[in-house]
């Protein structure tokens, strides 16, 4: 099962926030994370992990449906590295 934005809103609502306030908090958090990543800065959430922007160089690729070769453009991707605390919790 995936954790969705709606699930997070519901959990905040159970903690005593109104539904509207829960939505506002989650939307604000997502906007802060997105704008920070857009600027090229990392997002570190202590005890959870770190979101980073990585540059991908131009490279050769292949269309799996047709088998034709093509050149993939340079791009930026977001990566996530979990914290040691989270890794330990997952591996218990």
PDB file of N, CA and C in Angstrom:
ATOM      1  N   UNK A   1       0.842  -1.186   0.000  1.00  0.00           N
ATOM      2  CA  UNK A   1       0.000   0.000   0.000  1.00  0.00           C
ATOM      3  C   UNK A   1       0.884   1.245   0.000  1.00  0.00           C
ATOM      4  N   UNK A   2       0.522   2.207  -0.796  1.00  0.00           N
ATOM      5  CA  UNK A   2       1.271   3.458  -0.879  1.00  0.00           C
ATOM      6  C   UNK A   2       0.708   4.481   0.095  1.00  0.00           C
ATOM      7  N   UNK A   3       1.596   5.315   0.589  1.00  0.00           N
ATOM      8  CA  UNK A   3       1.183   6.434   1.427  1.00  0.00           C
ATOM      9  C   UNK A   3       0.944   7.616   0.513  1.00  0.00           C
ATOM     10  N   UNK A   4      -0.281   8.128   0.508  1.00  0.00           N
ATOM     11  CA  UNK A   4      -0.627   9.243  -0.364  1.00  0.00           C
ATOM     12  C   UNK A   4      -0.735  10.528   0.440  1.00  0.00           C
ATOM     13  N   UNK A   5      -0.800  11.633  -0.286  1.00  0.00           N
ATOM     14  CA  UNK A   5      -0.969  12.927   0.364  1.00  0.00           C
ATOM     15  C   UNK A   5      -2.269  12.931   1.177  1.00  0.00           C
ATOM     16  N   UNK A   6      -3.306  12.290   0.645  1.00  0.00           N
ATOM     17  CA  UNK A   6      -4.583  12.217   1.344  1.00  0.00           C
ATOM     18  C   UNK A   6      -4.455  11.438   2.659  1.00  0.00           C
ATOM     19  N   UNK A   7      -3.648  10.359   2.665  1.00  0.00           N
ATOM     20  CA  UNK A   7      -3.411   9.604   3.901  1.00  0.00           C
ATOM     21  C   UNK A   7      -2.740  10.472   4.956  1.00  0.00           C
ATOM     22  N   UNK A   8      -1.787  11.282   4.520  1.00  0.00           N
ATOM     23  CA  UNK A   8      -1.090  12.171   5.460  1.00  0.00           C
ATOM     24  C   UNK A   8      -2.051  13.195   6.026  1.00  0.00           C
ATOM     25  N   UNK A   9      -2.909  13.757   5.181  1.00  0.00           N
ATOM     26  CA  UNK A   9      -3.922  14.722   5.633  1.00  0.00           C
ATOM     27  C   UNK A   9      -4.838  14.068   6.663  1.00  0.00           C
ATOM     28  N   UNK A  10      -5.268  12.848   6.398  1.00  0.00           N
ATOM     29  CA  UNK A  10      -6.144  12.129   7.335  1.00  0.00           C
ATOM     30  C   UNK A  10      -5.454  11.913   8.680  1.00  0.00           C
ATOM     31  N   UNK A  11      -4.156  11.566   8.661  1.00  0.00           N
ATOM     32  CA  UNK A  11      -3.425  11.373   9.913  1.00  0.00           C
ATOM     33  C   UNK A  11      -3.310  12.676  10.703  1.00  0.00           C
ATOM     34  N   UNK A  12      -3.067  13.775  10.023  1.00  0.00           N
ATOM     35  CA  UNK A  12      -3.024  15.072  10.706  1.00  0.00           C
ATOM     36  C   UNK A  12      -4.387  15.426  11.276  1.00  0.00           C
ATOM     37  N   UNK A  13      -5.434  15.114  10.541  1.00  0.00           N
ATOM     38  CA  UNK A  13      -6.800  15.379  11.005  1.00  0.00           C
ATOM     39  C   UNK A  13      -7.101  14.608  12.297  1.00  0.00           C
ATOM     40  N   UNK A  14      -6.628  13.366  12.364  1.00  0.00           N
ATOM     41  CA  UNK A  14      -6.827  12.563  13.577  1.00  0.00           C
ATOM     42  C   UNK A  14      -6.073  13.132  14.775  1.00  0.00           C
ATOM     43  N   UNK A  15      -5.012  13.895  14.520  1.00  0.00           N
ATOM     44  CA  UNK A  15      -4.245  14.518  15.609  1.00  0.00           C
ATOM     45  C   UNK A  15      -4.910  15.783  16.141  1.00  0.00           C
ATOM     46  N   UNK A  16      -5.990  16.214  15.502  1.00  0.00           N
ATOM     47  CA  UNK A  16      -6.722  17.368  16.011  1.00  0.00           C
ATOM     48  C   UNK A  16      -6.760  18.574  15.095  1.00  0.00           C
ATOM     49  N   UNK A  17      -6.065  18.518  13.975  1.00  0.00           N
ATOM     50  CA  UNK A  17      -6.133  19.611  13.015  1.00  0.00           C
ATOM     51  C   UNK A  17      -7.437  19.514  12.235  1.00  0.00           C
ATOM     52  N   UNK A  18      -7.944  20.658  11.776  1.00  0.00           N
ATOM     53  CA  UNK A  18      -9.101  20.606  10.889  1.00  0.00           C
ATOM     54  C   UNK A  18      -8.635  20.058   9.554  1.00  0.00           C
ATOM     55  N   UNK A  19      -9.587  19.561   8.762  1.00  0.00           N
ATOM     56  CA  UNK A  19      -9.231  19.021   7.442  1.00  0.00           C
ATOM     57  C   UNK A  19      -8.567  20.101   6.600  1.00  0.00           C
ATOM     58  N   UNK A  20      -9.146  21.315   6.618  1.00  0.00           N
ATOM     59  CA  UNK A  20      -8.617  22.409   5.813  1.00  0.00           C
ATOM     60  C   UNK A  20      -7.194  22.766   6.249  1.00  0.00           C
ATOM     61  N   UNK A  21      -6.964  22.835   7.555  1.00  0.00           N
ATOM     62  CA  UNK A  21      -5.632  23.166   8.073  1.00  0.00           C
ATOM     63  C   UNK A  21      -4.638  22.064   7.714  1.00  0.00           C
ATOM     64  N   UNK A  22      -5.070  20.817   7.790  1.00  0.00           N
ATOM     65  CA  UNK A  22      -4.206  19.687   7.430  1.00  0.00           C
ATOM     66  C   UNK A  22      -3.764  19.794   5.977  1.00  0.00           C
ATOM     67  N   UNK A  23      -4.695  20.108   5.086  1.00  0.00           N
ATOM     68  CA  UNK A  23      -4.381  20.256   3.672  1.00  0.00           C
ATOM     69  C   UNK A  23      -3.392  21.406   3.479  1.00  0.00           C
ATOM     70  N   UNK A  24      -3.636  22.535   4.159  1.00  0.00           N
ATOM     71  CA  UNK A  24      -2.754  23.695   4.040  1.00  0.00           C
ATOM     72  C   UNK A  24      -1.336  23.376   4.503  1.00  0.00           C
ATOM     73  N   UNK A  25      -1.215  22.655   5.611  1.00  0.00           N
ATOM     74  CA  UNK A  25       0.106  22.297   6.145  1.00  0.00           C
ATOM     75  C   UNK A  25       0.857  21.420   5.159  1.00  0.00           C
ATOM     76  N   UNK A  26       0.204  20.393   4.640  1.00  0.00           N
ATOM     77  CA  UNK A  26       0.858  19.465   3.711  1.00  0.00           C
ATOM     78  C   UNK A  26       1.212  20.172   2.405  1.00  0.00           C
ATOM     79  N   UNK A  27       0.295  20.967   1.868  1.00  0.00           N
ATOM     80  CA  UNK A  27       0.573  21.703   0.631  1.00  0.00           C
ATOM     81  C   UNK A  27       1.742  22.673   0.824  1.00  0.00           C
ATOM     82  N   UNK A  28       1.788  23.352   1.961  1.00  0.00           N
ATOM     83  CA  UNK A  28       2.888  24.278   2.243  1.00  0.00           C
ATOM     84  C   UNK A  28       4.217  23.542   2.335  1.00  0.00           C
ATOM     85  N   UNK A  29       4.225  22.410   3.020  1.00  0.00           N
ATOM     86  CA  UNK A  29       5.435  21.604   3.138  1.00  0.00           C
ATOM     87  C   UNK A  29       5.928  21.165   1.765  1.00  0.00           C
ATOM     88  N   UNK A  30       5.018  20.680   0.926  1.00  0.00           N
ATOM     89  CA  UNK A  30       5.395  20.226  -0.416  1.00  0.00           C
ATOM     90  C   UNK A  30       5.953  21.386  -1.240  1.00  0.00           C
ATOM     91  N   UNK A  31       5.354  22.562  -1.132  1.00  0.00           N
ATOM     92  CA  UNK A  31       5.828  23.723  -1.882  1.00  0.00           C
ATOM     93  C   UNK A  31       7.224  24.139  -1.436  1.00  0.00           C
ATOM     94  N   UNK A  32       7.491  24.097  -0.123  1.00  0.00           N
ATOM     95  CA  UNK A  32       8.819  24.440   0.389  1.00  0.00           C
ATOM     96  C   UNK A  32       9.858  23.454  -0.148  1.00  0.00           C
ATOM     97  N   UNK A  33       9.531  22.170  -0.120  1.00  0.00           N
ATOM     98  CA  UNK A  33      10.451  21.151  -0.627  1.00  0.00           C
ATOM     99  C   UNK A  33      10.695  21.351  -2.121  1.00  0.00           C
ATOM    100  N   UNK A  34       9.626  21.554  -2.902  1.00  0.00           N
ATOM    101  CA  UNK A  34       9.767  21.739  -4.343  1.00  0.00           C
ATOM    102  C   UNK A  34      10.590  22.977  -4.678  1.00  0.00           C
ATOM    103  N   UNK A  35      10.300  24.087  -4.025  1.00  0.00           N
ATOM    104  CA  UNK A  35      11.026  25.322  -4.346  1.00  0.00           C
ATOM    105  C   UNK A  35      12.500  25.213  -3.953  1.00  0.00           C
ATOM    106  N   UNK A  36      12.794  24.522  -2.855  1.00  0.00           N
ATOM    107  CA  UNK A  36      14.183  24.326  -2.437  1.00  0.00           C
ATOM    108  C   UNK A  36      14.929  23.481  -3.461  1.00  0.00           C
ATOM    109  N   UNK A  37      14.306  22.416  -3.948  1.00  0.00           N
ATOM    110  CA  UNK A  37      14.931  21.562  -4.955  1.00  0.00           C
ATOM    111  C   UNK A  37      15.084  22.299  -6.283  1.00  0.00           C
ATOM    112  N   UNK A  38      14.099  23.125  -6.647  1.00  0.00           N
ATOM    113  CA  UNK A  38      14.183  23.902  -7.886  1.00  0.00           C
ATOM    114  C   UNK A  38      15.389  24.824  -7.880  1.00  0.00           C
ATOM    115  N   UNK A  39      15.744  25.344  -6.711  1.00  0.00           N
ATOM    116  CA  UNK A  39      16.894  26.237  -6.579  1.00  0.00           C
ATOM    117  C   UNK A  39      18.216  25.466  -6.602  1.00  0.00           C
ATOM    118  N   UNK A  40      18.129  24.139  -6.607  1.00  0.00           N
ATOM    119  CA  UNK A  40      19.337  23.316  -6.651  1.00  0.00           C
ATOM    120  C   UNK A  40      19.881  22.964  -5.286  1.00  0.00           C
ATOM    121  N   UNK A  41      19.121  23.244  -4.234  1.00  0.00           N
ATOM    122  CA  UNK A  41      19.557  22.947  -2.868  1.00  0.00           C
ATOM    123  C   UNK A  41      19.007  21.601  -2.408  1.00  0.00           C
ATOM    124  N   UNK A  42      19.745  20.960  -1.509  1.00  0.00           N
ATOM    125  CA  UNK A  42      19.304  19.690  -0.933  1.00  0.00           C
ATOM    126  C   UNK A  42      18.263  19.937   0.154  1.00  0.00           C
ATOM    127  N   UNK A  43      17.434  18.928   0.393  1.00  0.00           N
ATOM    128  CA  UNK A  43      16.453  18.969   1.476  1.00  0.00           C
ATOM    129  C   UNK A  43      16.803  17.856   2.445  1.00  0.00           C
ATOM    130  N   UNK A  44      17.199  18.235   3.655  1.00  0.00           N
ATOM    131  CA  UNK A  44      17.569  17.269   4.682  1.00  0.00           C
ATOM    132  C   UNK A  44      16.502  17.261   5.759  1.00  0.00           C
ATOM    133  N   UNK A  45      15.907  16.106   5.994  1.00  0.00           N
ATOM    134  CA  UNK A  45      14.918  15.934   7.051  1.00  0.00           C
ATOM    135  C   UNK A  45      15.544  14.977   8.055  1.00  0.00           C
ATOM    136  N   UNK A  46      15.957  15.522   9.189  1.00  0.00           N
ATOM    137  CA  UNK A  46      16.680  14.731  10.192  1.00  0.00           C
ATOM    138  C   UNK A  46      15.880  13.506  10.612  1.00  0.00           C
ATOM    139  N   UNK A  47      16.557  12.376  10.684  1.00  0.00           N
ATOM    140  CA  UNK A  47      15.922  11.129  11.077  1.00  0.00           C
ATOM    141  C   UNK A  47      15.139  10.462   9.962  1.00  0.00           C
ATOM    142  N   UNK A  48      15.034  11.123   8.802  1.00  0.00           N
ATOM    143  CA  UNK A  48      14.281  10.571   7.672  1.00  0.00           C
ATOM    144  C   UNK A  48      15.186  10.355   6.469  1.00  0.00           C
ATOM    145  N   UNK A  49      15.785  11.448   5.957  1.00  0.00           N
ATOM    146  CA  UNK A  49      16.667  11.303   4.815  1.00  0.00           C
ATOM    147  C   UNK A  49      16.942  12.615   4.129  1.00  0.00           C
ATOM    148  N   UNK A  50      17.561  12.513   2.943  1.00  0.00           N
ATOM    149  CA  UNK A  50      18.005  13.685   2.209  1.00  0.00           C
ATOM    150  C   UNK A  50      17.618  13.556   0.741  1.00  0.00           C
ATOM    151  N   UNK A  51      16.931  14.587   0.227  1.00  0.00           N
ATOM    152  CA  UNK A  51      16.607  14.684  -1.187  1.00  0.00           C
ATOM    153  C   UNK A  51      17.685  15.540  -1.846  1.00  0.00           C
ATOM    154  N   UNK A  52      18.265  15.061  -2.934  1.00  0.00           N
ATOM    155  CA  UNK A  52      19.344  15.775  -3.627  1.00  0.00           C
ATOM    156  C   UNK A  52      19.026  15.876  -5.111  1.00  0.00           C
ATOM    157  N   UNK A  53      19.558  16.938  -5.733  1.00  0.00           N
ATOM    158  CA  UNK A  53      19.479  17.099  -7.178  1.00  0.00           C
ATOM    159  C   UNK A  53      20.790  16.586  -7.772  1.00  0.00           C
ATOM    160  N   UNK A  54      20.690  15.695  -8.738  1.00  0.00           N
ATOM    161  CA  UNK A  54      21.874  15.159  -9.417  1.00  0.00           C
ATOM    162  C   UNK A  54      21.763  15.480 -10.909  1.00  0.00           C
ATOM    163  N   UNK A  55      22.906  15.795 -11.515  1.00  0.00           N
ATOM    164  CA  UNK A  55      22.952  16.048 -12.953  1.00  0.00           C
ATOM    165  C   UNK A  55      23.212  14.739 -13.689  1.00  0.00           C
ATOM    166  N   UNK A  56      22.410  14.489 -14.722  1.00  0.00           N
ATOM    167  CA  UNK A  56      22.623  13.333 -15.597  1.00  0.00           C
ATOM    168  C   UNK A  56      23.200  13.860 -16.902  1.00  0.00           C
ATOM    169  N   UNK A  57      24.260  13.263 -17.368  1.00  0.00           N
ATOM    170  CA  UNK A  57      24.882  13.691 -18.615  1.00  0.00           C
ATOM    171  C   UNK A  57      24.138  13.118 -19.819  1.00  0.00           C
ATOM    172  N   UNK A  58      24.386  13.722 -20.963  1.00  0.00           N
ATOM    173  CA  UNK A  58      23.822  13.215 -22.204  1.00  0.00           C
ATOM    174  C   UNK A  58      24.404  11.828 -22.443  1.00  0.00           C
ATOM    175  N   UNK A  59      23.557  10.892 -22.904  1.00  0.00           N
ATOM    176  CA  UNK A  59      24.049   9.538 -23.123  1.00  0.00           C
ATOM    177  C   UNK A  59      23.219   8.841 -24.191  1.00  0.00           C
ATOM    178  N   UNK A  60      23.743   7.738 -24.633  1.00  0.00           N
ATOM    179  CA  UNK A  60      23.030   6.917 -25.616  1.00  0.00           C
ATOM    180  C   UNK A  60      21.985   6.068 -24.897  1.00  0.00           C
ATOM    181  N   UNK A  61      20.830   5.947 -25.516  1.00  0.00           N
ATOM    182  CA  UNK A  61      19.768   5.117 -24.980  1.00  0.00           C
ATOM    183  C   UNK A  61      19.166   4.290 -26.100  1.00  0.00           C
ATOM    184  N   UNK A  62      18.157   3.517 -25.762  1.00  0.00           N
ATOM    185  CA  UNK A  62      17.514   2.672 -26.766  1.00  0.00           C
ATOM    186  C   UNK A  62      16.034   2.601 -26.468  1.00  0.00           C
ATOM    187  N   UNK A  63      15.223   2.743 -27.483  1.00  0.00           N
ATOM    188  CA  UNK A  63      13.786   2.589 -27.355  1.00  0.00           C
ATOM    189  C   UNK A  63      13.498   1.089 -27.257  1.00  0.00           C
ATOM    190  N   UNK A  64      13.000   0.610 -26.114  1.00  0.00           N
ATOM    191  CA  UNK A  64      12.801  -0.838 -25.957  1.00  0.00           C
ATOM    192  C   UNK A  64      11.720  -1.404 -26.878  1.00  0.00           C
ATOM    193  N   UNK A  65      10.778  -0.569 -27.288  1.00  0.00           N
ATOM    194  CA  UNK A  65       9.706  -1.070 -28.153  1.00  0.00           C
ATOM    195  C   UNK A  65      10.186  -1.296 -29.579  1.00  0.00           C
ATOM    196  N   UNK A  66      11.025  -0.376 -30.078  1.00  0.00           N
ATOM    197  CA  UNK A  66      11.451  -0.477 -31.479  1.00  0.00           C
ATOM    198  C   UNK A  66      12.899  -0.929 -31.635  1.00  0.00           C
ATOM    199  N   UNK A  67      13.686  -0.781 -30.568  1.00  0.00           N
ATOM    200  CA  UNK A  67      15.089  -1.165 -30.629  1.00  0.00           C
ATOM    201  C   UNK A  67      15.982  -0.101 -31.244  1.00  0.00           C
ATOM    202  N   UNK A  68      15.403   1.048 -31.628  1.00  0.00           N
ATOM    203  CA  UNK A  68      16.214   2.106 -32.232  1.00  0.00           C
ATOM    204  C   UNK A  68      17.015   2.843 -31.162  1.00  0.00           C
ATOM    205  N   UNK A  69      18.238   3.232 -31.550  1.00  0.00           N
ATOM    206  CA  UNK A  69      19.096   3.993 -30.647  1.00  0.00           C
ATOM    207  C   UNK A  69      18.691   5.462 -30.672  1.00  0.00           C
ATOM    208  N   UNK A  70      18.878   6.142 -29.548  1.00  0.00           N
ATOM    209  CA  UNK A  70      18.597   7.562 -29.464  1.00  0.00           C
ATOM    210  C   UNK A  70      19.488   8.193 -28.415  1.00  0.00           C
ATOM    211  N   UNK A  71      19.576   9.506 -28.441  1.00  0.00           N
ATOM    212  CA  UNK A  71      20.403  10.226 -27.483  1.00  0.00           C
ATOM    213  C   UNK A  71      19.489  10.836 -26.421  1.00  0.00           C
ATOM    214  N   UNK A  72      19.768  10.495 -25.173  1.00  0.00           N
ATOM    215  CA  UNK A  72      19.015  11.059 -24.054  1.00  0.00           C
ATOM    216  C   UNK A  72      19.687  12.365 -23.653  1.00  0.00           C
ATOM    217  N   UNK A  73      18.897  13.434 -23.498  1.00  0.00           N
ATOM    218  CA  UNK A  73      19.412  14.755 -23.194  1.00  0.00           C
ATOM    219  C   UNK A  73      19.937  14.839 -21.761  1.00  0.00           C
ATOM    220  N   UNK A  74      20.748  15.869 -21.514  1.00  0.00           N
ATOM    221  CA  UNK A  74      21.170  16.164 -20.146  1.00  0.00           C
ATOM    222  C   UNK A  74      19.923  16.527 -19.351  1.00  0.00           C
ATOM    223  N   UNK A  75      19.921  16.150 -18.081  1.00  0.00           N
ATOM    224  CA  UNK A  75      18.764  16.457 -17.240  1.00  0.00           C
ATOM    225  C   UNK A  75      19.163  16.398 -15.787  1.00  0.00           C
ATOM    226  N   UNK A  76      18.265  16.850 -14.952  1.00  0.00           N
ATOM    227  CA  UNK A  76      18.467  16.781 -13.510  1.00  0.00           C
ATOM    228  C   UNK A  76      17.442  15.803 -12.950  1.00  0.00           C
ATOM    229  N   UNK A  77      17.856  15.038 -11.963  1.00  0.00           N
ATOM    230  CA  UNK A  77      16.957  14.093 -11.306  1.00  0.00           C
ATOM    231  C   UNK A  77      17.038  14.296  -9.797  1.00  0.00           C
ATOM    232  N   UNK A  78      15.972  13.927  -9.126  1.00  0.00           N
ATOM    233  CA  UNK A  78      15.949  13.987  -7.667  1.00  0.00           C
ATOM    234  C   UNK A  78      16.265  12.596  -7.139  1.00  0.00           C
ATOM    235  N   UNK A  79      17.203  12.534  -6.211  1.00  0.00           N
ATOM    236  CA  UNK A  79      17.530  11.260  -5.563  1.00  0.00           C
ATOM    237  C   UNK A  79      17.208  11.378  -4.080  1.00  0.00           C
ATOM    238  N   UNK A  80      17.037  10.236  -3.440  1.00  0.00           N
ATOM    239  CA  UNK A  80      16.752  10.211  -2.005  1.00  0.00           C
ATOM    240  C   UNK A  80      17.691   9.218  -1.346  1.00  0.00           C
ATOM    241  N   UNK A  81      18.276   9.651  -0.248  1.00  0.00           N
ATOM    242  CA  UNK A  81      19.106   8.752   0.552  1.00  0.00           C
ATOM    243  C   UNK A  81      18.536   8.764   1.963  1.00  0.00           C
ATOM    244  N   UNK A  82      18.131   7.595   2.443  1.00  0.00           N
ATOM    245  CA  UNK A  82      17.523   7.536   3.769  1.00  0.00           C
ATOM    246  C   UNK A  82      18.587   7.676   4.853  1.00  0.00           C
ATOM    247  N   UNK A  83      18.150   8.162   6.005  1.00  0.00           N
ATOM    248  CA  UNK A  83      19.067   8.332   7.129  1.00  0.00           C
ATOM    249  C   UNK A  83      19.388   6.974   7.751  1.00  0.00           C
ATOM    250  N   UNK A  84      20.428   6.944   8.544  1.00  0.00           N
ATOM    251  CA  UNK A  84      20.807   5.702   9.231  1.00  0.00           C
ATOM    252  C   UNK A  84      19.698   5.264  10.186  1.00  0.00           C
ATOM    253  N   UNK A  85      19.045   6.228  10.835  1.00  0.00           N
ATOM    254  CA  UNK A  85      17.946   5.887  11.757  1.00  0.00           C
ATOM    255  C   UNK A  85      16.806   5.205  11.015  1.00  0.00           C
ATOM    256  N   UNK A  86      16.428   5.751   9.870  1.00  0.00           N
ATOM    257  CA  UNK A  86      15.353   5.148   9.086  1.00  0.00           C
ATOM    258  C   UNK A  86      15.770   3.774   8.572  1.00  0.00           C
ATOM    259  N   UNK A  87      17.002   3.655   8.094  1.00  0.00           N
ATOM    260  CA  UNK A  87      17.499   2.361   7.606  1.00  0.00           C
ATOM    261  C   UNK A  87      17.451   1.318   8.707  1.00  0.00           C
ATOM    262  N   UNK A  88      17.841   1.702   9.935  1.00  0.00           N
ATOM    263  CA  UNK A  88      17.804   0.772  11.057  1.00  0.00           C
ATOM    264  C   UNK A  88      16.381   0.345  11.383  1.00  0.00           C
ATOM    265  N   UNK A  89      15.440   1.299  11.327  1.00  0.00           N
ATOM    266  CA  UNK A  89      14.029   0.958  11.593  1.00  0.00           C
ATOM    267  C   UNK A  89      13.480  -0.010  10.549  1.00  0.00           C
ATOM    268  N   UNK A  90      13.836   0.221   9.302  1.00  0.00           N
ATOM    269  CA  UNK A  90      13.360  -0.632   8.220  1.00  0.00           C
ATOM    270  C   UNK A  90      13.920  -2.044   8.350  1.00  0.00           C
ATOM    271  N   UNK A  91      15.163  -2.155   8.787  1.00  0.00           N
ATOM    272  CA  UNK A  91      15.847  -3.454   8.849  1.00  0.00           C
ATOM    273  C   UNK A  91      15.683  -4.180  10.172  1.00  0.00           C
ATOM    274  N   UNK A  92      14.840  -3.708  11.057  1.00  0.00           N
ATOM    275  CA  UNK A  92      14.626  -4.411  12.327  1.00  0.00           C
ATOM    276  C   UNK A  92      13.879  -5.683  12.132  1.00  0.00           C
TER     277      UNK A  92
END
